[in-house]
Amino acid sequence: KVQSDTDARLLFYILNNTKDPKAELFVYTDTGKFGQLLRSANTDETSLLYKRIDYGNEGGKVKATCLARAYLAFVHGMAIIKEGNKDVMHLSRYDLIDECRVAMKPAQASVDAEAVLQAVGMFINGGRMLSLIPPALGLALRERWTASRRPFPPKGVVSNVKRYLSTKKDVNEKLNILVQNRRETTAKLGKAILGYWHK
């Protein structure tokens, strides 16, 4: 039993944020290796994602869940990885954490995940990054990287892709698709990025 309206509001706030935390905060604060990498990338001044990760505070440029999808897209591509016909674009916050924990088990995984995060950081413009772009970048990295070689895109490629991905309207017009179809949209965005990278 609460003693005042203030206590009631405080209890409601605690229960609401405990039972249904924002997906971004849920992924960002996970105690697994990927959650640790996210927090390190966001707090390390030498990181391209320094103070740029949105973990529910709405102050960042790229959402924590989108970065998780970027890494899983690099690992799995657009393959179905969960029961219920789910690919990386249709995983819940709980599935994202579970799949990231599994993907982070190999010895090379931490190096790969950190590289993917920094690569995404290269493409951040002044505004917030559209949610489909990080996983599309993950797909492009999956195609370009090999077991022994992890090249980052040249500055010219980064500039061209940034220009291409500057607005949602621009992306929709150029790809002639609906953003609602996240799986196909992300795959086409990945191919578009690769097209610039191969030029």
C-alpha atoms as a PDB file:
ATOM      1  CA  LYS A   1       0.000   0.000   0.000  1.00  0.00           C
ATOM      2  CA  VAL A   2       1.369   3.406  -0.992  1.00  0.00           C
ATOM      3  CA  GLN A   3       1.234   6.394   1.330  1.00  0.00           C
ATOM      4  CA  SER A   4       0.816   9.240  -1.175  1.00  0.00           C
ATOM      5  CA  ASP A   5       0.206  10.145  -4.827  1.00  0.00           C
ATOM      6  CA  THR A   6       3.933  10.743  -5.219  1.00  0.00           C
ATOM      7  CA  ASP A   7       4.689   7.240  -3.976  1.00  0.00           C
ATOM      8  CA  ALA A   8       2.041   5.826  -6.311  1.00  0.00           C
ATOM      9  CA  ARG A   9       3.555   7.573  -9.318  1.00  0.00           C
ATOM     10  CA  LEU A  10       7.032   6.371  -8.320  1.00  0.00           C
ATOM     11  CA  LEU A  11       5.800   2.781  -7.918  1.00  0.00           C
ATOM     12  CA  PHE A  12       4.064   2.943 -11.297  1.00  0.00           C
ATOM     13  CA  TYR A  13       7.278   4.224 -12.903  1.00  0.00           C
ATOM     14  CA  ILE A  14       9.387   1.459 -11.335  1.00  0.00           C
ATOM     15  CA  LEU A  15       6.961  -1.303 -12.299  1.00  0.00           C
ATOM     16  CA  ASN A  16       6.524   0.035 -15.814  1.00  0.00           C
ATOM     17  CA  ASN A  17      10.257   0.234 -16.441  1.00  0.00           C
ATOM     18  CA  THR A  18      10.955  -3.109 -14.773  1.00  0.00           C
ATOM     19  CA  LYS A  19       8.298  -5.157 -16.529  1.00  0.00           C
ATOM     20  CA  ASP A  20       8.471  -3.477 -19.929  1.00  0.00           C
ATOM     21  CA  PRO A  21      11.822  -1.757 -20.459  1.00  0.00           C
ATOM     22  CA  LYS A  22      12.484  -0.051 -23.744  1.00  0.00           C
ATOM     23  CA  ALA A  23      13.963  -2.455 -26.250  1.00  0.00           C
ATOM     24  CA  GLU A  24      17.023  -0.250 -26.699  1.00  0.00           C
ATOM     25  CA  LEU A  25      17.827  -0.187 -22.983  1.00  0.00           C
ATOM     26  CA  PHE A  26      17.085  -3.909 -22.725  1.00  0.00           C
ATOM     27  CA  VAL A  27      19.681  -4.746 -25.407  1.00  0.00           C
ATOM     28  CA  TYR A  28      22.189  -2.093 -24.281  1.00  0.00           C
ATOM     29  CA  THR A  29      22.275  -3.251 -20.656  1.00  0.00           C
ATOM     30  CA  ASP A  30      22.459  -6.976 -21.389  1.00  0.00           C
ATOM     31  CA  THR A  31      25.288  -8.591 -19.432  1.00  0.00           C
ATOM     32  CA  GLY A  32      26.440 -10.693 -22.410  1.00  0.00           C
ATOM     33  CA  LYS A  33      29.503  -9.901 -24.511  1.00  0.00           C
ATOM     34  CA  PHE A  34      27.621  -7.922 -27.139  1.00  0.00           C
ATOM     35  CA  GLY A  35      25.995  -5.695 -24.531  1.00  0.00           C
ATOM     36  CA  GLN A  36      29.441  -5.072 -23.067  1.00  0.00           C
ATOM     37  CA  LEU A  37      30.758  -4.086 -26.517  1.00  0.00           C
ATOM     38  CA  LEU A  38      27.861  -1.660 -27.004  1.00  0.00           C
ATOM     39  CA  ARG A  39      28.552   0.089 -23.715  1.00  0.00           C
ATOM     40  CA  SER A  40      32.272   0.218 -24.416  1.00  0.00           C
ATOM     41  CA  ALA A  41      31.692   1.664 -27.896  1.00  0.00           C
ATOM     42  CA  ASN A  42      29.385   4.322 -26.466  1.00  0.00           C
ATOM     43  CA  THR A  43      31.730   5.411 -23.669  1.00  0.00           C
ATOM     44  CA  ASP A  44      35.166   5.106 -25.332  1.00  0.00           C
ATOM     45  CA  GLU A  45      36.229   8.506 -26.687  1.00  0.00           C
ATOM     46  CA  THR A  46      38.220   6.842 -29.486  1.00  0.00           C
ATOM     47  CA  SER A  47      35.164   4.943 -30.740  1.00  0.00           C
ATOM     48  CA  LEU A  48      33.219   6.058 -33.830  1.00  0.00           C
ATOM     49  CA  LEU A  49      30.072   5.374 -31.786  1.00  0.00           C
ATOM     50  CA  TYR A  50      31.135   7.490 -28.805  1.00  0.00           C
ATOM     51  CA  LYS A  51      27.952   8.971 -27.280  1.00  0.00           C
ATOM     52  CA  ARG A  52      26.086   8.016 -30.455  1.00  0.00           C
ATOM     53  CA  ILE A  53      24.171   4.922 -29.329  1.00  0.00           C
ATOM     54  CA  ASP A  54      20.502   5.360 -28.478  1.00  0.00           C
ATOM     55  CA  TYR A  55      19.800   3.088 -25.504  1.00  0.00           C
ATOM     56  CA  GLY A  56      16.363   4.477 -24.730  1.00  0.00           C
ATOM     57  CA  ASN A  57      17.490   7.969 -23.849  1.00  0.00           C
ATOM     58  CA  GLU A  58      16.685   9.216 -27.375  1.00  0.00           C
ATOM     59  CA  GLY A  59      19.959  11.095 -27.404  1.00  0.00           C
ATOM     60  CA  GLY A  60      21.931   8.842 -29.711  1.00  0.00           C
ATOM     61  CA  LYS A  61      22.209   8.589 -33.476  1.00  0.00           C
ATOM     62  CA  VAL A  62      21.746   4.843 -33.888  1.00  0.00           C
ATOM     63  CA  LYS A  63      19.583   2.453 -31.883  1.00  0.00           C
ATOM     64  CA  ALA A  64      21.130  -0.345 -29.829  1.00  0.00           C
ATOM     65  CA  THR A  65      18.702  -2.858 -31.359  1.00  0.00           C
ATOM     66  CA  CYS A  66      19.750  -1.785 -34.871  1.00  0.00           C
ATOM     67  CA  LEU A  67      23.398  -2.400 -33.997  1.00  0.00           C
ATOM     68  CA  ALA A  68      22.485  -5.866 -32.734  1.00  0.00           C
ATOM     69  CA  ARG A  69      20.701  -6.519 -36.039  1.00  0.00           C
ATOM     70  CA  ALA A  70      23.762  -5.241 -37.927  1.00  0.00           C
ATOM     71  CA  TYR A  71      25.983  -7.801 -36.234  1.00  0.00           C
ATOM     72  CA  LEU A  72      23.493 -10.640 -36.695  1.00  0.00           C
ATOM     73  CA  ALA A  73      23.061  -9.689 -40.369  1.00  0.00           C
ATOM     74  CA  PHE A  74      26.840  -9.965 -40.717  1.00  0.00           C
ATOM     75  CA  VAL A  75      26.771 -13.403 -39.071  1.00  0.00           C
ATOM     76  CA  HIS A  76      23.631 -14.879 -40.641  1.00  0.00           C
ATOM     77  CA  GLY A  77      22.732 -12.742 -43.637  1.00  0.00           C
ATOM     78  CA  MET A  78      18.961 -12.709 -44.184  1.00  0.00           C
ATOM     79  CA  ALA A  79      18.570 -16.391 -43.326  1.00  0.00           C
ATOM     80  CA  ILE A  80      15.738 -17.603 -41.108  1.00  0.00           C
ATOM     81  CA  ILE A  81      17.330 -18.062 -37.690  1.00  0.00           C
ATOM     82  CA  LYS A  82      14.355 -18.448 -35.378  1.00  0.00           C
ATOM     83  CA  GLU A  83      11.172 -20.492 -35.265  1.00  0.00           C
ATOM     84  CA  GLY A  84       8.201 -18.659 -36.666  1.00  0.00           C
ATOM     85  CA  ASN A  85       9.964 -17.739 -39.925  1.00  0.00           C
ATOM     86  CA  LYS A  86      12.004 -14.983 -38.236  1.00  0.00           C
ATOM     87  CA  ASP A  87      15.077 -13.379 -39.786  1.00  0.00           C
ATOM     88  CA  VAL A  88      17.265 -10.727 -38.135  1.00  0.00           C
ATOM     89  CA  MET A  89      14.785  -7.970 -39.038  1.00  0.00           C
ATOM     90  CA  HIS A  90      11.909  -9.637 -37.203  1.00  0.00           C
ATOM     91  CA  LEU A  91      13.495 -10.721 -33.914  1.00  0.00           C
ATOM     92  CA  SER A  92      12.062  -9.507 -30.616  1.00  0.00           C
ATOM     93  CA  ARG A  93      14.284  -7.843 -28.032  1.00  0.00           C
ATOM     94  CA  TYR A  94      14.579 -11.181 -26.225  1.00  0.00           C
ATOM     95  CA  ASP A  95      15.487 -13.030 -29.418  1.00  0.00           C
ATOM     96  CA  LEU A  96      18.074 -10.371 -30.272  1.00  0.00           C
ATOM     97  CA  ILE A  97      19.847 -10.920 -26.980  1.00  0.00           C
ATOM     98  CA  ASP A  98      19.651 -14.716 -27.252  1.00  0.00           C
ATOM     99  CA  GLU A  99      20.986 -14.740 -30.820  1.00  0.00           C
ATOM    100  CA  CYS A 100      23.765 -12.254 -30.016  1.00  0.00           C
ATOM    101  CA  ARG A 101      24.865 -14.391 -27.083  1.00  0.00           C
ATOM    102  CA  VAL A 102      25.043 -17.469 -29.320  1.00  0.00           C
ATOM    103  CA  ALA A 103      26.826 -15.565 -32.102  1.00  0.00           C
ATOM    104  CA  MET A 104      29.396 -14.183 -29.650  1.00  0.00           C
ATOM    105  CA  LYS A 105      30.610 -17.623 -28.521  1.00  0.00           C
ATOM    106  CA  PRO A 106      33.392 -18.207 -31.136  1.00  0.00           C
ATOM    107  CA  ALA A 107      36.826 -16.802 -30.292  1.00  0.00           C
ATOM    108  CA  GLN A 108      36.810 -14.420 -33.283  1.00  0.00           C
ATOM    109  CA  ALA A 109      33.335 -13.092 -32.517  1.00  0.00           C
ATOM    110  CA  SER A 110      34.324 -10.169 -30.272  1.00  0.00           C
ATOM    111  CA  VAL A 111      36.781  -8.862 -32.877  1.00  0.00           C
ATOM    112  CA  ASP A 112      34.170  -9.184 -35.632  1.00  0.00           C
ATOM    113  CA  ALA A 113      31.405  -7.567 -33.587  1.00  0.00           C
ATOM    114  CA  GLU A 114      33.582  -4.613 -32.611  1.00  0.00           C
ATOM    115  CA  ALA A 115      34.618  -4.153 -36.253  1.00  0.00           C
ATOM    116  CA  VAL A 116      30.976  -4.191 -37.379  1.00  0.00           C
ATOM    117  CA  LEU A 117      30.076  -1.558 -34.772  1.00  0.00           C
ATOM    118  CA  GLN A 118      32.904   0.732 -35.847  1.00  0.00           C
ATOM    119  CA  ALA A 119      32.046   0.241 -39.527  1.00  0.00           C
ATOM    120  CA  VAL A 120      28.454   1.330 -38.838  1.00  0.00           C
ATOM    121  CA  GLY A 121      29.831   4.353 -37.004  1.00  0.00           C
ATOM    122  CA  MET A 122      31.570   5.462 -40.208  1.00  0.00           C
ATOM    123  CA  PHE A 123      28.211   5.982 -41.929  1.00  0.00           C
ATOM    124  CA  ILE A 124      26.468   8.127 -39.320  1.00  0.00           C
ATOM    125  CA  ASN A 125      25.334  11.476 -40.686  1.00  0.00           C
ATOM    126  CA  GLY A 126      24.260  14.481 -38.661  1.00  0.00           C
ATOM    127  CA  GLY A 127      20.805  13.096 -37.904  1.00  0.00           C
ATOM    128  CA  ARG A 128      19.519   9.796 -36.582  1.00  0.00           C
ATOM    129  CA  MET A 129      20.356   6.735 -38.636  1.00  0.00           C
ATOM    130  CA  LEU A 130      17.400   4.973 -40.246  1.00  0.00           C
ATOM    131  CA  SER A 131      16.721   1.616 -38.603  1.00  0.00           C
ATOM    132  CA  LEU A 132      17.269  -0.431 -41.776  1.00  0.00           C
ATOM    133  CA  ILE A 133      20.724   0.966 -42.541  1.00  0.00           C
ATOM    134  CA  PRO A 134      22.850  -0.795 -39.850  1.00  0.00           C
ATOM    135  CA  PRO A 135      21.674  -4.317 -40.796  1.00  0.00           C
ATOM    136  CA  ALA A 136      22.089  -3.431 -44.484  1.00  0.00           C
ATOM    137  CA  LEU A 137      25.678  -2.453 -43.703  1.00  0.00           C
ATOM    138  CA  GLY A 138      26.066  -5.757 -41.869  1.00  0.00           C
ATOM    139  CA  LEU A 139      25.002  -7.569 -45.046  1.00  0.00           C
ATOM    140  CA  ALA A 140      27.512  -5.589 -47.116  1.00  0.00           C
ATOM    141  CA  LEU A 141      30.318  -6.398 -44.677  1.00  0.00           C
ATOM    142  CA  ARG A 142      29.340 -10.071 -44.812  1.00  0.00           C
ATOM    143  CA  GLU A 143      29.905 -10.019 -48.583  1.00  0.00           C
ATOM    144  CA  ARG A 144      33.160  -8.060 -48.535  1.00  0.00           C
ATOM    145  CA  TRP A 145      34.928  -9.504 -45.523  1.00  0.00           C
ATOM    146  CA  THR A 146      36.730 -12.838 -45.463  1.00  0.00           C
ATOM    147  CA  ALA A 147      38.221 -14.918 -42.643  1.00  0.00           C
ATOM    148  CA  SER A 148      41.618 -13.257 -43.119  1.00  0.00           C
ATOM    149  CA  ARG A 149      40.660  -9.802 -44.392  1.00  0.00           C
ATOM    150  CA  ARG A 150      38.393  -7.170 -42.840  1.00  0.00           C
ATOM    151  CA  PRO A 151      38.710  -4.030 -45.017  1.00  0.00           C
ATOM    152  CA  PHE A 152      36.840  -0.919 -43.985  1.00  0.00           C
ATOM    153  CA  PRO A 153      35.145   0.981 -46.828  1.00  0.00           C
ATOM    154  CA  PRO A 154      37.244   3.812 -48.317  1.00  0.00           C
ATOM    155  CA  LYS A 155      36.292   7.404 -47.514  1.00  0.00           C
ATOM    156  CA  GLY A 156      34.920   7.943 -51.011  1.00  0.00           C
ATOM    157  CA  VAL A 157      32.553   4.999 -50.607  1.00  0.00           C
ATOM    158  CA  VAL A 158      31.436   6.247 -47.200  1.00  0.00           C
ATOM    159  CA  SER A 159      30.688   9.721 -48.613  1.00  0.00           C
ATOM    160  CA  ASN A 160      28.729   8.333 -51.572  1.00  0.00           C
ATOM    161  CA  VAL A 161      26.709   5.928 -49.426  1.00  0.00           C
ATOM    162  CA  LYS A 162      25.974   8.650 -46.856  1.00  0.00           C
ATOM    163  CA  ARG A 163      24.617  10.811 -49.629  1.00  0.00           C
ATOM    164  CA  TYR A 164      22.556   7.925 -50.989  1.00  0.00           C
ATOM    165  CA  LEU A 165      21.110   7.073 -47.587  1.00  0.00           C
ATOM    166  CA  SER A 166      20.517  10.665 -46.533  1.00  0.00           C
ATOM    167  CA  THR A 167      16.699  10.509 -46.273  1.00  0.00           C
ATOM    168  CA  LYS A 168      13.984   7.884 -46.047  1.00  0.00           C
ATOM    169  CA  LYS A 169      12.206   9.471 -49.006  1.00  0.00           C
ATOM    170  CA  ASP A 170      15.377   9.257 -51.054  1.00  0.00           C
ATOM    171  CA  VAL A 171      15.835   5.583 -50.198  1.00  0.00           C
ATOM    172  CA  ASN A 172      12.209   4.766 -51.020  1.00  0.00           C
ATOM    173  CA  GLU A 173      12.346   6.514 -54.374  1.00  0.00           C
ATOM    174  CA  LYS A 174      15.625   4.966 -55.458  1.00  0.00           C
ATOM    175  CA  LEU A 175      14.772   1.429 -54.422  1.00  0.00           C
ATOM    176  CA  ASN A 176      11.074   1.715 -55.343  1.00  0.00           C
ATOM    177  CA  ILE A 177       9.980  -0.341 -52.356  1.00  0.00           C
ATOM    178  CA  LEU A 178       7.982  -0.053 -49.156  1.00  0.00           C
ATOM    179  CA  VAL A 179       9.870   0.230 -45.879  1.00  0.00           C
ATOM    180  CA  GLN A 180       7.264  -2.046 -44.269  1.00  0.00           C
ATOM    181  CA  ASN A 181       8.860  -5.031 -46.018  1.00  0.00           C
ATOM    182  CA  ARG A 182      11.922  -4.872 -43.842  1.00  0.00           C
ATOM    183  CA  ARG A 183      13.582  -8.085 -45.001  1.00  0.00           C
ATOM    184  CA  GLU A 184      13.547  -7.254 -48.716  1.00  0.00           C
ATOM    185  CA  THR A 185      14.294  -3.586 -48.106  1.00  0.00           C
ATOM    186  CA  THR A 186      17.345  -4.391 -46.001  1.00  0.00           C
ATOM    187  CA  ALA A 187      18.642  -6.895 -48.564  1.00  0.00           C
ATOM    188  CA  LYS A 188      18.278  -4.345 -51.377  1.00  0.00           C
ATOM    189  CA  LEU A 189      19.950  -1.649 -49.301  1.00  0.00           C
ATOM    190  CA  GLY A 190      22.863  -4.026 -48.679  1.00  0.00           C
ATOM    191  CA  LYS A 191      23.223  -4.624 -52.423  1.00  0.00           C
ATOM    192  CA  ALA A 192      23.059  -0.884 -53.097  1.00  0.00           C
ATOM    193  CA  ILE A 193      25.876  -0.264 -50.619  1.00  0.00           C
ATOM    194  CA  LEU A 194      27.923  -3.038 -52.224  1.00  0.00           C
ATOM    195  CA  GLY A 195      27.351  -1.382 -55.595  1.00  0.00           C
ATOM    196  CA  TYR A 196      29.085   1.761 -54.360  1.00  0.00           C
ATOM    197  CA  TRP A 197      31.832  -0.260 -52.685  1.00  0.00           C
ATOM    198  CA  HIS A 198      32.656  -2.086 -55.943  1.00  0.00           C
ATOM    199  CA  LYS A 199      32.862   1.105 -57.994  1.00  0.00           C
END
